[in-house]
Each structure stands twice: as C-alpha cells, then as structure tokens.
Amino acid sequence: RVSLMSERLIMVTPDDVPTGSDSKVNGHLMSNILPPKSYLHRAFSAFIFRPSDGRLLLQKRADEKITFPSMWTNTCCSHPLWLDAEREEKGQMGVRRAVQRKLLHELGIPLETIKLDEMVYVTRIHYLAPSDGKWGEHEIDYVMFIVADVPLEPSPNE
C-alpha cells in the first residue's frame, strides 16, 4: 500500500488541463484539497455490466483504504498515472489504459478481456468528497461503461 501511495497523479485545472504531477498522498489530503491550494487530479470510475442481464458489478472497498474504507462502490475507481501511456488524451486513451491496469490489479481481470475500444466514455464530472476529515477526493472523474462477461480474482487489499 505504501508504494501505491507514492504513485504520481495527473494534477489538472477545473477544465481538465494537466498542470503536473503529485503523489497520491498529497492529492488526497483535505488540507491540499480545500482552498487556497484546491488540488485537483484526474480519475476514473469504471462500471462493468453483464451482457446477459445488465447487472452491474459492484466492489466493496477494503477496510485498509484511506478514502472511504469498507464502502460499496462502482466496479473500479482509481487514477490514470503520470506515465506517458496514461497521459494520452486523444480518445481518452490514457484513461482507458489506466482502467485496464486497475481492473487487473483490483479484480484480476486480464488485460485482454476488455479491449480499449470496447470501453464507452460517458462523461467527465468534477467531484469533491471529504472522507474522514483528513482524507478526501477532488477529481475530474471520467465515467466509463463496459459491457462484458469477465473472470474475477479480486484482491482482498482493494
């Protein structure tokens, strides 16, 4: 978990223009999120629907998570990182790659199971939510829908 918190987020303006990078720790501290600093980073929320009946796959966050522990959430929510492949903006390609990476990490869904062009970009939302007073979220969140049957091997730490 410590190494994941040192990963570099894509910091953005309210118009989703990248301004640089910072650690996940700094990007999630309410002391940085609130004015005057107003840190804002890029994120995604992925929703996987089963094609046979349209049911949505939900995930319960691990007790160890610093933001919103033990809460039920969408299929997978996380961040594109300050990596060349995940900063590519054309066709939301960087976000799509981040979705693949995190679906593998959190739910054990193999990369080849969900192709980049099969993800449906729905919209972006500006999202601010305090978690426990110390930690919170302040994101430009890309909402991605996926319709697929997927094998699962969830990570208990996620």
C-alpha atoms as a PDB file:
ATOM      1  CA  ARG A   1       0.000   0.000   0.000  1.00  0.00           C
ATOM      2  CA  VAL A   2       2.864   2.425   0.769  1.00  0.00           C
ATOM      3  CA  SER A   3       4.289   2.075  -2.755  1.00  0.00           C
ATOM      4  CA  LEU A   4       0.847   2.728  -4.269  1.00  0.00           C
ATOM      5  CA  MET A   5       0.553   5.972  -2.301  1.00  0.00           C
ATOM      6  CA  SER A   6       3.764   7.277  -3.856  1.00  0.00           C
ATOM      7  CA  GLU A   7       2.383   6.862  -7.394  1.00  0.00           C
ATOM      8  CA  ARG A   8       2.131  10.154  -9.298  1.00  0.00           C
ATOM      9  CA  LEU A   9      -1.314  11.550 -10.079  1.00  0.00           C
ATOM     10  CA  ILE A  10      -2.098  13.807 -13.027  1.00  0.00           C
ATOM     11  CA  MET A  11      -2.919  17.179 -11.484  1.00  0.00           C
ATOM     12  CA  VAL A  12      -5.357  19.247 -13.562  1.00  0.00           C
ATOM     13  CA  THR A  13      -7.244  22.530 -13.767  1.00  0.00           C
ATOM     14  CA  PRO A  14     -11.058  22.578 -13.442  1.00  0.00           C
ATOM     15  CA  ASP A  15     -11.066  22.381 -17.266  1.00  0.00           C
ATOM     16  CA  ASP A  16      -9.029  19.134 -17.089  1.00  0.00           C
ATOM     17  CA  VAL A  17      -5.817  20.669 -18.413  1.00  0.00           C
ATOM     18  CA  PRO A  18      -2.776  18.860 -16.936  1.00  0.00           C
ATOM     19  CA  THR A  19      -0.573  21.066 -14.748  1.00  0.00           C
ATOM     20  CA  GLY A  20       1.944  18.489 -13.482  1.00  0.00           C
ATOM     21  CA  SER A  21       2.026  15.589 -11.073  1.00  0.00           C
ATOM     22  CA  ASP A  22       1.936  14.924  -7.346  1.00  0.00           C
ATOM     23  CA  SER A  23       1.780  11.877  -5.065  1.00  0.00           C
ATOM     24  CA  LYS A  24      -1.470  10.137  -4.190  1.00  0.00           C
ATOM     25  CA  VAL A  25      -0.883  11.157  -0.574  1.00  0.00           C
ATOM     26  CA  ASN A  26      -0.689  14.867  -1.413  1.00  0.00           C
ATOM     27  CA  GLY A  27      -3.585  14.616  -3.847  1.00  0.00           C
ATOM     28  CA  HIS A  28      -5.908  13.140  -1.209  1.00  0.00           C
ATOM     29  CA  LEU A  29      -5.136  15.287   1.848  1.00  0.00           C
ATOM     30  CA  MET A  30      -8.066  17.583   2.634  1.00  0.00           C
ATOM     31  CA  SER A  31      -5.523  20.246   3.661  1.00  0.00           C
ATOM     32  CA  ASN A  32      -4.426  20.301  -0.016  1.00  0.00           C
ATOM     33  CA  ILE A  33      -7.902  19.833  -1.499  1.00  0.00           C
ATOM     34  CA  LEU A  34      -9.518  22.773   0.250  1.00  0.00           C
ATOM     35  CA  PRO A  35      -8.755  26.375  -0.726  1.00  0.00           C
ATOM     36  CA  PRO A  36      -6.395  28.052  -1.052  1.00  0.00           C
ATOM     37  CA  LYS A  37      -4.481  25.080  -2.547  1.00  0.00           C
ATOM     38  CA  SER A  38      -7.516  23.431  -4.223  1.00  0.00           C
ATOM     39  CA  TYR A  39      -5.561  20.420  -5.534  1.00  0.00           C
ATOM     40  CA  LEU A  40      -7.478  18.637  -8.300  1.00  0.00           C
ATOM     41  CA  HIS A  41      -6.476  15.418 -10.079  1.00  0.00           C
ATOM     42  CA  ARG A  42      -7.701  13.191 -12.904  1.00  0.00           C
ATOM     43  CA  ALA A  43      -9.545   9.979 -12.021  1.00  0.00           C
ATOM     44  CA  PHE A  44     -11.937   7.420 -13.482  1.00  0.00           C
ATOM     45  CA  SER A  45     -14.968   5.425 -12.431  1.00  0.00           C
ATOM     46  CA  ALA A  46     -15.500   2.197 -14.370  1.00  0.00           C
ATOM     47  CA  PHE A  47     -18.804   0.336 -14.410  1.00  0.00           C
ATOM     48  CA  ILE A  48     -18.956  -3.211 -15.796  1.00  0.00           C
ATOM     49  CA  PHE A  49     -22.387  -4.503 -16.812  1.00  0.00           C
ATOM     50  CA  ARG A  50     -23.015  -8.182 -17.522  1.00  0.00           C
ATOM     51  CA  PRO A  51     -24.451  -8.545 -21.055  1.00  0.00           C
ATOM     52  CA  SER A  52     -26.853 -11.388 -20.241  1.00  0.00           C
ATOM     53  CA  ASP A  53     -28.944  -9.422 -17.714  1.00  0.00           C
ATOM     54  CA  GLY A  54     -27.424  -5.937 -17.435  1.00  0.00           C
ATOM     55  CA  ARG A  55     -26.416  -6.411 -13.806  1.00  0.00           C
ATOM     56  CA  LEU A  56     -23.719  -4.047 -12.518  1.00  0.00           C
ATOM     57  CA  LEU A  57     -20.614  -5.461 -10.859  1.00  0.00           C
ATOM     58  CA  LEU A  58     -20.023  -3.596  -7.578  1.00  0.00           C
ATOM     59  CA  GLN A  59     -16.972  -3.695  -5.321  1.00  0.00           C
ATOM     60  CA  LYS A  60     -16.681  -3.243  -1.554  1.00  0.00           C
ATOM     61  CA  ARG A  61     -13.586  -1.201  -0.696  1.00  0.00           C
ATOM     62  CA  ALA A  62     -11.088  -2.799   1.683  1.00  0.00           C
ATOM     63  CA  ASP A  63     -11.023  -1.745   5.327  1.00  0.00           C
ATOM     64  CA  GLU A  64      -7.430  -0.510   4.829  1.00  0.00           C
ATOM     65  CA  LYS A  65      -8.275   2.094   2.161  1.00  0.00           C
ATOM     66  CA  ILE A  66      -7.530   5.658   3.293  1.00  0.00           C
ATOM     67  CA  THR A  67     -10.558   7.103   1.499  1.00  0.00           C
ATOM     68  CA  PHE A  68     -13.986   5.606   2.011  1.00  0.00           C
ATOM     69  CA  PRO A  69     -12.917   2.289   3.614  1.00  0.00           C
ATOM     70  CA  SER A  70     -15.483  -0.539   3.665  1.00  0.00           C
ATOM     71  CA  MET A  71     -17.853   1.342   1.344  1.00  0.00           C
ATOM     72  CA  TRP A  72     -19.641  -0.186  -1.636  1.00  0.00           C
ATOM     73  CA  THR A  73     -18.663   1.492  -4.880  1.00  0.00           C
ATOM     74  CA  ASN A  74     -18.698   1.116  -8.645  1.00  0.00           C
ATOM     75  CA  THR A  75     -16.778  -1.699 -10.310  1.00  0.00           C
ATOM     76  CA  CYS A  76     -13.435   0.094 -10.129  1.00  0.00           C
ATOM     77  CA  CYS A  77     -12.373   3.653  -9.389  1.00  0.00           C
ATOM     78  CA  SER A  78      -8.824   4.929  -9.466  1.00  0.00           C
ATOM     79  CA  HIS A  79      -6.492   7.282 -11.316  1.00  0.00           C
ATOM     80  CA  PRO A  80      -4.524   7.460 -14.520  1.00  0.00           C
ATOM     81  CA  LEU A  81      -0.902   7.991 -13.508  1.00  0.00           C
ATOM     82  CA  TRP A  82       1.789  10.417 -14.636  1.00  0.00           C
ATOM     83  CA  LEU A  83       3.027   7.934 -17.228  1.00  0.00           C
ATOM     84  CA  ASP A  84       3.325   8.663 -20.952  1.00  0.00           C
ATOM     85  CA  ALA A  85       0.806   5.925 -21.835  1.00  0.00           C
ATOM     86  CA  GLU A  86      -1.763   7.150 -19.281  1.00  0.00           C
ATOM     87  CA  ARG A  87      -1.407  10.854 -20.112  1.00  0.00           C
ATOM     88  CA  GLU A  88      -2.501  10.344 -23.742  1.00  0.00           C
ATOM     89  CA  GLU A  89      -5.677  12.361 -24.142  1.00  0.00           C
ATOM     90  CA  LYS A  90      -6.875  11.535 -27.681  1.00  0.00           C
ATOM     91  CA  GLY A  91      -9.979   9.352 -27.364  1.00  0.00           C
ATOM     92  CA  GLN A  92      -9.435   9.157 -23.570  1.00  0.00           C
ATOM     93  CA  MET A  93      -6.720   6.597 -24.396  1.00  0.00           C
ATOM     94  CA  GLY A  94      -4.683   7.239 -21.245  1.00  0.00           C
ATOM     95  CA  VAL A  95      -7.743   6.816 -19.034  1.00  0.00           C
ATOM     96  CA  ARG A  96      -8.678   3.620 -20.902  1.00  0.00           C
ATOM     97  CA  ARG A  97      -5.199   2.169 -20.253  1.00  0.00           C
ATOM     98  CA  ALA A  98      -5.496   3.095 -16.574  1.00  0.00           C
ATOM     99  CA  VAL A  99      -8.872   1.326 -16.401  1.00  0.00           C
ATOM    100  CA  GLN A 100      -7.301  -1.852 -17.823  1.00  0.00           C
ATOM    101  CA  ARG A 101      -4.364  -1.626 -15.397  1.00  0.00           C
ATOM    102  CA  LYS A 102      -6.579  -1.208 -12.337  1.00  0.00           C
ATOM    103  CA  LEU A 103      -9.131  -3.857 -13.351  1.00  0.00           C
ATOM    104  CA  LEU A 104      -6.226  -6.309 -13.436  1.00  0.00           C
ATOM    105  CA  HIS A 105      -4.785  -5.056 -10.133  1.00  0.00           C
ATOM    106  CA  GLU A 106      -8.016  -4.847  -8.156  1.00  0.00           C
ATOM    107  CA  LEU A 107     -10.206  -7.554  -9.674  1.00  0.00           C
ATOM    108  CA  GLY A 108      -7.779  -9.836 -11.525  1.00  0.00           C
ATOM    109  CA  ILE A 109      -9.451  -9.139 -14.884  1.00  0.00           C
ATOM    110  CA  PRO A 110      -6.863  -9.948 -17.575  1.00  0.00           C
ATOM    111  CA  LEU A 111      -5.886  -7.032 -19.836  1.00  0.00           C
ATOM    112  CA  GLU A 112      -7.024  -8.806 -22.990  1.00  0.00           C
ATOM    113  CA  THR A 113     -10.539  -9.394 -21.570  1.00  0.00           C
ATOM    114  CA  ILE A 114     -11.594  -5.776 -22.062  1.00  0.00           C
ATOM    115  CA  LYS A 115     -10.293  -4.054 -25.152  1.00  0.00           C
ATOM    116  CA  LEU A 116      -9.644  -0.315 -25.071  1.00  0.00           C
ATOM    117  CA  ASP A 117     -12.151   0.405 -27.842  1.00  0.00           C
ATOM    118  CA  GLU A 118     -14.895  -1.555 -26.039  1.00  0.00           C
ATOM    119  CA  MET A 119     -14.998   0.952 -23.174  1.00  0.00           C
ATOM    120  CA  VAL A 120     -17.688   3.590 -23.589  1.00  0.00           C
ATOM    121  CA  TYR A 121     -16.760   7.064 -22.416  1.00  0.00           C
ATOM    122  CA  VAL A 122     -19.907   8.583 -20.874  1.00  0.00           C
ATOM    123  CA  THR A 123     -18.802  11.938 -19.441  1.00  0.00           C
ATOM    124  CA  ARG A 124     -16.469  13.719 -17.025  1.00  0.00           C
ATOM    125  CA  ILE A 125     -17.616  15.052 -13.661  1.00  0.00           C
ATOM    126  CA  HIS A 126     -15.991  17.423 -11.171  1.00  0.00           C
ATOM    127  CA  TYR A 127     -16.182  15.554  -7.883  1.00  0.00           C
ATOM    128  CA  LEU A 128     -15.287  16.689  -4.341  1.00  0.00           C
ATOM    129  CA  ALA A 129     -15.950  14.476  -1.330  1.00  0.00           C
ATOM    130  CA  PRO A 130     -14.362  14.538   2.139  1.00  0.00           C
ATOM    131  CA  SER A 131     -13.842  11.048   3.562  1.00  0.00           C
ATOM    132  CA  ASP A 132     -12.823  11.276   7.225  1.00  0.00           C
ATOM    133  CA  GLY A 133     -11.649  14.840   7.770  1.00  0.00           C
ATOM    134  CA  LYS A 134      -8.001  14.151   6.932  1.00  0.00           C
ATOM    135  CA  TRP A 135      -8.519  12.433   3.559  1.00  0.00           C
ATOM    136  CA  GLY A 136     -10.814  13.050   0.626  1.00  0.00           C
ATOM    137  CA  GLU A 137     -11.286  13.185  -3.125  1.00  0.00           C
ATOM    138  CA  HIS A 138     -11.199  16.132  -5.515  1.00  0.00           C
ATOM    139  CA  GLU A 139     -11.231  14.858  -9.061  1.00  0.00           C
ATOM    140  CA  ILE A 140     -12.121  15.324 -12.664  1.00  0.00           C
ATOM    141  CA  ASP A 141     -13.626  11.864 -12.943  1.00  0.00           C
ATOM    142  CA  TYR A 142     -14.013  10.090 -16.301  1.00  0.00           C
ATOM    143  CA  VAL A 143     -17.067   7.813 -16.266  1.00  0.00           C
ATOM    144  CA  MET A 144     -16.501   4.670 -18.354  1.00  0.00           C
ATOM    145  CA  PHE A 145     -19.083   1.937 -19.095  1.00  0.00           C
ATOM    146  CA  ILE A 146     -18.137  -1.588 -20.123  1.00  0.00           C
ATOM    147  CA  VAL A 147     -20.480  -4.407 -21.137  1.00  0.00           C
ATOM    148  CA  ALA A 148     -18.669  -7.726 -20.761  1.00  0.00           C
ATOM    149  CA  ASP A 149     -18.562 -11.108 -19.083  1.00  0.00           C
ATOM    150  CA  VAL A 150     -15.357 -11.044 -17.048  1.00  0.00           C
ATOM    151  CA  PRO A 151     -13.427 -13.568 -14.978  1.00  0.00           C
ATOM    152  CA  LEU A 152     -12.754 -12.321 -11.442  1.00  0.00           C
ATOM    153  CA  GLU A 153      -9.937 -12.858  -8.959  1.00  0.00           C
ATOM    154  CA  PRO A 154     -10.454  -9.921  -6.570  1.00  0.00           C
ATOM    155  CA  SER A 155      -7.562  -8.637  -4.489  1.00  0.00           C
ATOM    156  CA  PRO A 156      -8.544  -8.668  -0.784  1.00  0.00           C
ATOM    157  CA  ASN A 157      -6.469  -5.490  -0.237  1.00  0.00           C
ATOM    158  CA  GLU A 158      -8.593  -3.465  -2.622  1.00  0.00           C
END
